[in-house]
Protein backbone atom coordinates (compact mmCIF):
# COMPACT_ATOMS: atom_id res chain seq x y z
CA MET A 1 96.14 100.90 125.55
CA THR A 2 96.82 102.96 123.02
CA LYS A 3 100.03 103.89 124.02
CA LEU A 4 101.60 100.21 123.17
CA LEU A 5 100.54 100.36 119.69
CA CYS A 6 103.66 102.34 118.36
CA SER A 7 105.88 102.71 121.24
CA GLY A 8 107.32 98.98 120.71
CA LYS A 9 107.38 97.60 124.05
CA ARG A 10 108.57 94.46 123.17
CA ARG A 11 111.65 94.31 121.96
CA PRO A 12 113.26 91.61 118.97
CA LEU A 13 116.31 90.07 119.71
CA PRO A 14 119.84 91.16 117.99
CA LEU A 15 120.51 89.70 114.66
CA SER A 16 123.18 88.35 116.10
CA THR A 17 121.59 85.99 118.47
CA LEU A 18 118.67 85.43 115.99
CA ALA A 19 121.24 84.19 113.72
CA LEU A 20 120.95 81.11 115.99
CA VAL A 21 117.23 81.09 115.94
CA GLY A 22 117.62 81.64 112.21
CA MET A 23 119.82 78.08 111.64
CA LEU A 24 116.81 76.73 113.75
CA CYS A 25 113.81 77.40 111.53
CA SER A 26 115.07 76.91 107.97
CA SER A 27 111.98 75.26 107.27
CA LEU A 28 110.13 78.49 108.35
CA LEU A 29 112.59 80.69 105.81
CA PHE A 30 112.05 78.18 103.39
CA SER A 31 108.21 78.67 103.43
CA PHE A 32 109.10 82.65 102.54
CA MET A 33 111.85 81.95 99.89
CA LEU A 34 110.00 81.74 96.56
CA SER A 35 107.63 84.93 97.78
CA ALA A 36 110.33 86.84 98.93
CA CYS A 37 113.65 86.70 96.47
CA GLY A 38 113.14 89.19 93.80
CA GLY A 39 114.54 88.49 90.16
CA ASP A 40 113.93 88.32 86.36
CA GLY A 41 111.10 87.04 85.61
CA ALA A 42 110.63 84.49 82.88
CA ASN A 43 108.65 87.10 80.54
CA GLY A 44 111.63 89.45 81.18
CA LYS A 45 110.09 91.79 83.50
CA ILE A 46 111.84 92.32 86.91
CA HIS A 47 110.11 91.17 89.86
CA LEU A 48 110.39 92.50 93.11
CA THR A 49 109.23 91.62 96.51
CA ILE A 50 107.94 94.15 99.29
CA TRP A 51 107.03 92.65 102.98
CA TYR A 52 105.08 95.29 104.89
CA TRP A 53 102.13 95.19 107.59
CA ASN A 54 98.57 95.65 107.49
CA ARG A 55 98.02 99.05 106.77
CA SER A 56 101.35 100.16 107.25
CA ILE A 57 101.00 101.09 102.94
CA ASP A 58 97.66 101.41 100.84
CA ASP A 59 97.09 98.11 98.99
CA LYS A 60 95.69 100.43 96.26
CA LEU A 61 98.58 102.00 95.66
CA LEU A 62 100.61 98.87 95.93
CA ALA A 63 98.38 97.61 92.64
CA GLN A 64 99.58 100.40 90.65
CA VAL A 65 102.98 100.01 90.55
CA SER A 66 103.18 97.61 87.90
CA LYS A 67 100.92 100.26 85.80
CA GLN A 68 103.34 103.19 86.62
CA PHE A 69 106.12 100.63 86.00
CA PRO A 70 105.17 98.00 83.43
CA ASN A 71 109.14 96.39 83.59
CA VAL A 72 108.14 96.03 87.44
CA VAL A 73 106.01 93.33 88.95
CA LEU A 74 106.02 93.72 91.99
CA ILE A 75 105.19 91.13 94.99
CA PRO A 76 103.41 92.33 98.15
CA GLU A 77 103.45 90.14 101.22
CA LYS A 78 101.57 91.06 104.24
CA ILE A 79 103.33 89.54 107.29
CA THR A 80 102.38 89.38 110.43
CA ASP A 81 104.43 89.22 113.81
CA TYR A 82 106.37 91.17 111.79
CA ASP A 83 110.03 92.69 112.99
CA ASN A 84 110.35 88.75 114.40
CA LYS A 85 110.11 87.52 110.75
CA VAL A 86 112.08 89.82 109.23
CA ARG A 87 115.15 89.99 111.42
CA THR A 88 115.00 85.43 111.48
CA ALA A 89 114.99 86.43 107.57
CA MET A 90 117.62 88.81 107.25
CA ALA A 91 119.87 87.01 110.35
CA GLY A 92 120.06 83.65 108.54
CA HIS A 93 120.51 85.67 104.79
CA LYS A 94 117.36 83.55 103.30
CA GLY A 95 114.50 84.78 101.80
CA VAL A 96 114.62 88.64 102.18
CA PRO A 97 112.52 90.76 100.48
CA ASP A 98 113.57 93.27 98.04
CA ILE A 99 111.85 96.30 100.04
CA ILE A 100 111.42 95.99 103.48
CA ALA A 101 108.68 98.54 105.21
CA ILE A 102 110.09 99.32 109.27
CA ASN A 103 108.18 101.31 111.87
CA SER A 104 109.09 103.44 113.97
CA ASN A 105 112.00 101.01 116.26
CA ILE A 106 113.95 102.13 112.86
CA ALA A 107 117.73 102.76 115.08
CA THR A 108 116.93 99.49 115.82
CA TYR A 109 118.17 98.68 112.76
CA PHE A 110 121.28 101.09 112.57
CA PRO A 111 123.67 97.99 113.98
CA ASP A 112 123.10 96.09 110.76
CA GLU A 113 122.85 98.70 108.26
CA ASP A 114 125.29 97.29 106.50
CA GLN A 115 122.29 94.57 105.30
CA PHE A 116 120.88 97.89 103.87
CA VAL A 117 121.46 99.81 100.41
CA ASP A 118 122.97 103.18 101.65
CA LEU A 119 120.00 105.38 99.24
CA ASN A 120 122.11 108.19 99.17
CA THR A 121 124.03 106.12 96.42
CA LEU A 122 120.75 105.99 93.99
CA GLY A 123 119.60 109.77 95.19
CA ALA A 124 117.91 109.86 97.72
CA GLU A 125 119.69 113.42 98.72
CA GLU A 126 117.71 115.23 95.86
CA ILE A 127 114.52 114.23 97.13
CA LYS A 128 115.52 115.09 100.81
CA SER A 129 113.90 118.56 100.78
CA GLU A 130 110.54 117.06 100.14
CA TYR A 131 110.56 115.63 103.51
CA LEU A 132 110.79 117.05 106.78
CA PRO A 133 114.03 117.11 108.20
CA TRP A 134 113.20 115.68 111.41
CA LYS A 135 111.64 112.54 109.93
CA TRP A 136 114.37 112.34 107.54
CA ASN A 137 116.92 112.55 110.02
CA LEU A 138 115.57 109.58 111.80
CA GLY A 139 116.64 106.74 108.67
CA THR A 140 120.27 108.45 108.54
CA THR A 141 122.69 106.06 110.74
CA PRO A 142 125.01 107.68 112.85
CA ASP A 143 127.45 106.79 110.58
CA HIS A 144 125.87 109.03 107.51
CA ARG A 145 124.43 106.23 106.03
CA GLN A 146 120.27 106.91 104.25
CA ILE A 147 118.84 103.45 105.08
CA ALA A 148 115.25 104.75 104.71
CA ILE A 149 112.97 107.32 102.87
CA PRO A 150 110.09 108.44 105.62
CA MET A 151 106.50 107.17 105.05
CA ASP A 152 104.08 108.59 107.57
CA THR A 153 103.91 110.58 110.95
CA GLY A 154 102.53 110.70 114.38
CA PRO A 155 102.15 114.62 115.55
CA THR A 156 101.60 115.23 118.81
CA ALA A 157 98.52 116.98 120.08
CA LEU A 158 96.59 117.40 122.97
CA PHE A 159 93.32 116.26 123.02
CA TYR A 160 90.37 117.03 125.38
CA ARG A 161 86.43 117.43 126.27
CA ALA A 162 85.27 120.97 125.39
CA ASP A 163 82.08 120.23 127.48
CA ILE A 164 83.98 119.33 130.46
CA PHE A 165 86.36 121.62 130.14
CA ALA A 166 83.67 124.38 130.01
CA LYS A 167 82.24 123.03 133.02
CA ALA A 168 85.44 123.29 134.90
CA GLY A 169 85.17 126.96 134.18
CA LEU A 170 88.31 126.93 131.77
CA PRO A 171 88.69 127.58 127.74
CA THR A 172 87.42 125.61 124.73
CA ASP A 173 88.52 127.07 121.97
CA PRO A 174 91.66 125.73 120.47
CA GLN A 175 93.31 128.78 119.95
CA ALA A 176 92.64 129.90 123.33
CA VAL A 177 93.45 125.93 125.05
CA SER A 178 96.77 126.24 122.95
CA GLU A 179 97.33 129.68 124.67
CA ARG A 180 96.19 128.91 127.88
CA PHE A 181 98.70 125.32 128.35
CA LYS A 182 101.98 126.37 126.93
CA THR A 183 103.78 124.51 129.38
CA TRP A 184 102.92 121.17 131.31
CA ASP A 185 103.22 122.63 134.97
CA GLU A 186 100.18 125.24 133.25
CA TYR A 187 98.45 122.51 131.64
CA LEU A 188 98.89 120.72 135.30
CA GLN A 189 96.69 123.54 136.63
CA ALA A 190 93.66 122.24 134.98
CA ALA A 191 93.11 119.24 137.19
CA PRO A 192 91.80 120.33 140.58
CA LYS A 193 89.59 122.30 138.79
CA ILE A 194 88.58 119.24 136.46
CA ALA A 195 87.87 117.40 139.51
CA GLU A 196 86.02 120.04 141.78
CA ALA A 197 84.05 120.43 138.42
CA THR A 198 83.25 116.58 138.14
CA GLN A 199 82.84 115.67 141.71
CA ASN A 200 85.99 114.12 141.70
CA LYS A 201 84.18 111.62 138.59
CA SER A 202 86.79 112.91 135.87
CA PHE A 203 90.73 113.29 135.92
CA LEU A 204 92.72 115.52 133.28
CA PHE A 205 95.11 112.88 132.30
CA ASP A 206 95.19 109.09 131.22
CA ASP A 207 97.81 107.46 132.29
CA ILE A 208 101.51 108.82 133.91
CA TYR A 209 103.54 107.51 131.25
CA ASN A 210 101.91 108.74 128.61
CA VAL A 211 102.43 112.61 130.91
CA TYR A 212 106.79 111.28 130.67
CA GLU A 213 106.33 109.73 127.26
CA MET A 214 104.40 113.36 125.90
CA GLN A 215 107.22 115.16 126.88
CA LEU A 216 110.06 113.12 126.02
CA MET A 217 108.32 112.75 122.42
CA ALA A 218 108.77 116.39 121.99
CA ASN A 219 112.11 117.03 123.40
CA LYS A 220 115.29 117.33 121.20
CA GLU A 221 117.62 114.90 123.35
CA HIS A 222 115.84 110.88 124.10
CA TYR A 223 118.18 108.25 125.64
CA PHE A 224 121.42 108.46 123.70
CA THR A 225 123.51 110.80 121.48
CA PRO A 226 124.70 109.95 118.34
CA SER A 227 128.09 108.62 119.49
CA GLY A 228 125.97 106.25 121.96
CA GLN A 229 126.53 108.17 124.87
CA TYR A 230 123.74 107.02 127.81
CA ILE A 231 121.88 110.49 128.73
CA GLY A 232 118.88 108.40 130.02
CA ASP A 233 119.64 109.86 133.61
CA GLN A 234 120.57 113.50 132.84
CA PRO A 235 118.61 116.62 134.68
CA GLU A 236 116.40 117.39 131.26
CA ILE A 237 115.02 113.56 131.16
CA ARG A 238 113.97 113.47 135.37
CA ARG A 239 111.67 116.60 135.12
CA PHE A 240 109.77 114.48 132.58
CA TRP A 241 110.07 111.56 134.99
CA ASN A 242 108.73 114.08 138.21
CA MET A 243 106.08 115.84 135.95
CA ALA A 244 104.95 112.48 135.60
CA VAL A 245 105.24 111.43 139.34
CA GLN A 246 103.42 114.98 140.00
CA ALA A 247 100.41 114.51 137.62
CA GLY A 248 100.23 111.04 139.46
CA GLN A 249 99.87 112.59 142.94
CA ALA A 250 97.64 115.41 142.07
CA GLU A 251 93.66 115.99 142.40
CA GLY A 252 92.13 115.05 139.46
CA GLY A 253 95.05 114.02 138.01
CA THR A 254 95.20 111.03 136.24
CA ALA A 255 92.74 108.55 135.45
CA ARG A 256 95.54 105.42 135.57
CA ALA A 257 93.92 104.28 132.85
CA VAL A 258 96.24 101.32 131.92
CA GLU A 259 94.02 98.61 130.45
CA ASP A 260 90.58 100.16 130.48
CA TRP A 261 91.75 103.46 128.35
CA ASN A 262 88.83 102.89 125.64
CA GLN A 263 86.04 102.58 128.58
CA ALA A 264 87.66 105.78 130.68
CA MET A 265 87.98 107.67 127.11
CA ASN A 266 84.33 107.01 126.42
CA ASN A 267 82.50 107.38 130.25
CA GLY A 268 84.50 110.41 130.69
CA ARG A 269 86.60 109.32 133.48
CA ALA A 270 89.82 110.77 131.80
CA VAL A 271 88.91 114.49 129.71
CA SER A 272 92.23 115.02 127.81
CA PHE A 273 95.43 113.61 126.60
CA VAL A 274 98.37 114.56 124.40
CA GLY A 275 98.31 112.19 121.55
CA ALA A 276 99.51 111.27 118.30
CA VAL A 277 97.64 111.99 115.20
CA TRP A 278 96.78 108.46 114.84
CA ASN A 279 94.69 109.06 118.15
CA LYS A 280 92.18 110.16 116.62
CA GLN A 281 90.66 106.71 114.95
CA ILE A 282 91.11 105.29 117.86
CA LEU A 283 89.21 107.63 120.12
CA ALA A 284 86.15 107.78 117.66
CA ASP A 285 86.37 103.95 117.80
CA ALA A 286 86.93 103.62 121.86
CA ALA A 287 84.53 106.22 122.61
CA PRO A 288 81.87 106.88 120.58
CA ASP A 289 79.15 108.52 122.94
CA THR A 290 81.33 110.96 123.02
CA ALA A 291 81.25 111.80 119.16
CA GLY A 292 81.20 115.87 118.97
CA LYS A 293 82.77 116.75 122.21
CA TRP A 294 85.99 116.46 121.77
CA ARG A 295 88.88 119.16 120.60
CA ILE A 296 92.60 119.36 119.28
CA ALA A 297 94.86 121.95 120.70
CA ARG A 298 98.46 122.15 120.08
CA ALA A 299 100.40 120.37 122.84
CA PRO A 300 102.13 121.90 126.29
CA GLY A 301 105.93 121.67 126.09
CA GLY A 302 106.03 121.76 122.56
CA ASP A 303 105.59 119.68 119.41
CA GLY A 304 106.60 116.04 119.60
CA ASN A 305 105.76 112.97 116.72
CA TYR A 306 105.24 109.41 118.09
CA GLY A 307 105.30 106.73 115.60
CA GLY A 308 105.88 106.53 111.78
CA SER A 309 107.23 104.50 109.42
CA PHE A 310 109.89 103.63 106.74
CA LEU A 311 110.79 102.01 102.97
CA THR A 312 113.78 100.30 102.97
CA ILE A 313 116.01 98.07 100.73
CA SER A 314 118.10 95.09 101.26
CA LYS A 315 121.08 94.45 99.95
CA ASN A 316 120.52 91.26 98.87
CA CYS A 317 118.07 92.99 96.30
CA GLU A 318 119.19 92.40 92.68
CA HIS A 319 117.52 95.54 90.80
CA PRO A 320 118.24 98.33 93.40
CA LYS A 321 117.77 101.23 91.11
CA GLU A 322 114.44 100.05 90.25
CA ALA A 323 113.25 99.39 93.75
CA PHE A 324 113.90 102.53 94.60
CA GLU A 325 112.23 104.54 91.75
CA VAL A 326 109.29 102.22 93.04
CA ILE A 327 110.01 102.95 97.37
CA LYS A 328 110.12 106.76 95.57
CA TRP A 329 107.04 106.48 93.40
CA LEU A 330 105.23 104.97 96.51
CA GLN A 331 106.49 108.07 98.74
CA SER A 332 105.85 110.83 97.05
CA PRO A 333 104.04 113.95 97.79
CA GLU A 334 101.07 113.17 95.79
CA ASN A 335 100.74 109.60 97.20
CA GLN A 336 101.32 110.44 100.26
CA LEU A 337 98.08 112.96 100.20
CA PHE A 338 96.05 109.75 98.83
CA ALA A 339 97.15 107.56 101.78
CA TYR A 340 96.18 109.37 104.19
CA LYS A 341 92.36 110.37 102.61
CA ASP A 342 92.12 106.39 102.32
CA ILE A 343 93.79 104.52 105.38
CA GLN A 344 94.87 108.42 107.59
CA LEU A 345 98.77 107.55 107.07
CA PHE A 346 99.55 110.82 108.25
CA PRO A 347 102.15 112.44 105.84
CA SER A 348 105.71 113.10 106.21
CA ALA A 349 106.23 114.86 102.37
CA ILE A 350 106.15 118.79 103.07
CA ARG A 351 103.85 119.34 99.57
CA ALA A 352 101.01 116.87 101.03
CA LEU A 353 101.16 118.27 104.64
CA ASP A 354 100.15 121.80 102.28
CA ASP A 355 97.99 120.30 100.66
CA PRO A 356 94.50 122.18 101.25
CA SER A 357 92.09 118.89 100.75
CA LEU A 358 93.04 117.54 104.03
CA ASN A 359 91.56 120.35 105.99
CA GLN A 360 87.60 119.09 106.21
CA PRO A 361 85.83 119.43 109.27
CA GLU A 362 85.46 116.31 111.70
CA SER A 363 82.22 115.60 112.73
CA PHE A 364 83.52 113.58 115.95
CA PHE A 365 85.64 116.93 116.60
CA GLY A 366 82.39 118.97 116.92
CA GLY A 367 83.01 119.87 113.21
CA GLN A 368 86.83 121.06 114.04
CA ARG A 369 89.42 120.67 111.06
CA THR A 370 91.64 119.30 113.03
CA THR A 371 94.01 118.23 110.31
CA GLN A 372 95.79 121.64 110.55
CA ILE A 373 96.68 121.22 114.24
CA PHE A 374 98.52 117.84 113.33
CA ALA A 375 100.43 119.86 109.94
CA ALA A 376 101.41 122.71 112.01
CA ALA A 377 102.87 120.44 114.73
CA ALA A 378 104.64 118.21 111.98
CA LYS A 379 106.49 121.01 110.79
CA ASN A 380 107.48 122.54 113.85
CA VAL A 381 108.81 118.66 115.62
CA PRO A 382 113.06 119.14 116.70
CA LEU A 383 115.72 117.37 114.94
CA PHE A 384 116.01 114.69 117.12
CA TYR A 385 118.21 110.86 117.44
CA THR A 386 116.96 107.39 118.65
CA GLY A 387 119.23 105.27 119.20
CA PRO A 388 118.76 101.66 118.94
CA ASN A 389 118.94 100.89 122.70
CA ASP A 390 115.85 103.45 123.38
CA THR A 391 113.22 101.28 123.59
CA LYS A 392 114.67 98.47 126.20
CA THR A 393 115.31 101.77 127.83
CA ASP A 394 112.18 103.04 127.72
CA ASN A 395 110.13 99.87 128.87
CA PHE A 396 112.61 100.37 132.04
CA ILE A 397 111.21 103.38 132.77
CA TYR A 398 107.51 102.42 131.80
CA GLN A 399 107.62 100.17 133.93
CA GLU A 400 109.11 101.88 137.10
CA LEU A 401 106.31 104.77 136.24
CA GLU A 402 103.69 101.90 136.20
CA ASN A 403 105.09 100.29 139.37
CA ILE A 404 104.14 104.09 140.70
CA GLN A 405 100.88 104.16 139.80
CA LEU A 406 99.75 101.19 140.37
CA ASN A 407 101.46 99.51 143.46
CA HIS A 408 102.21 102.81 145.48
CA LYS A 409 106.01 102.48 144.52
CA ASN A 410 108.45 105.21 146.06
CA PRO A 411 109.15 107.24 143.09
CA ASP A 412 112.68 107.85 144.16
CA GLN A 413 113.33 104.14 144.73
CA ALA A 414 111.75 103.72 140.76
CA TRP A 415 113.86 106.18 139.52
CA GLN A 416 117.39 104.52 140.80
CA ASP A 417 115.99 101.17 139.85
CA ALA A 418 114.99 102.26 136.55
CA GLN A 419 119.03 103.43 136.08
CA ARG A 420 120.38 100.25 137.42
CA SER A 421 118.19 98.36 134.94
CA ILE A 422 119.27 100.37 132.18
CA GLN A 423 122.82 100.29 133.05
CA ARG A 424 122.57 96.48 132.74
CA ASN A 425 121.32 96.61 129.61
CA ILE A 426 123.56 98.95 128.46
CA GLN A 427 126.26 96.93 129.66
CA LEU A 428 125.12 94.00 128.05
CA SER A 429 124.58 95.14 124.67
């Protein structure tokens, strides 16, 4: 199910809890110690360790670090069960790598910001202007410490089946689709037309949670303010909820593609969805029979972001200046451009987004040059804040929306139950 790839439905335990786990897992930590502790080697060179997960950083770039910095030996460690192992190492204060990649759940590390180097002390301000402002701000803690620099992003857009839109009498040209569906209300009005044109075999949306989440991801406010005040019960968030419920109830609304998303995309049961740029490859893999039929337009309701990663430096690092030079080089505009072309990591560096070599025709999308849609969206994402409890909060919303969709739960009752669960979680945090 694609929405789970970047949303982090299962949040790891806080470091305070994991301290006990760290004591019980000394043997596990010991296995990491030799590979995860940087320092000076016998050859006089600086040894730096970096942890990352598969395809979060381009392996080809990692292999070039020692050529770019002859005095540095970079020791990469590709980790599975990533967050749990990072948090366990940090809680036990053993085997922590010098450089740590962190996913879009960067805010969950804010309570432990003192375990990271403030990159402003190493010159981060000098490169700030090279990156998208909203992305840079996501690595800034409420205390204004810069604990991370940007890697990739996940700007959102509207994916749609041009052939079925044409059958329903809807526009098919991406520009015309963007003009027709500027709001979610306008987008929803297409649902009954899809139903009528396909004898109720196709649906406009994939599932109601995605309708909710993509509205939230394009909004200036999410669940908490930087001061920690909960605002997820406010009318704006409730409006997103109501739109999702309405989509689920509409004729031709949602395909309820929860566990069978791939099949729904391939057989035409779901004919559009708002998703991140990384959905392009997922869709192509999931729906090979539909190649050439999909197009991409700007998302209704505004541009948002869903996913994207960061690089940090641990306070345990003995050579933070050198580590900063390494991560700065890895995420330079030139190298972000290389990583996008090689493994589809969409850039956060503005200069990379403007490179004309990105705008190549894509056969799966009927020859459309879709990258320019996502580049424009990335530049238009509003500044927003995510807090340490955002993902847990979103989990409760997700659970109750799925109860509505799959178990026919009363929407008002589901909203009240979600809010009660969220408030209990806040009190326990």
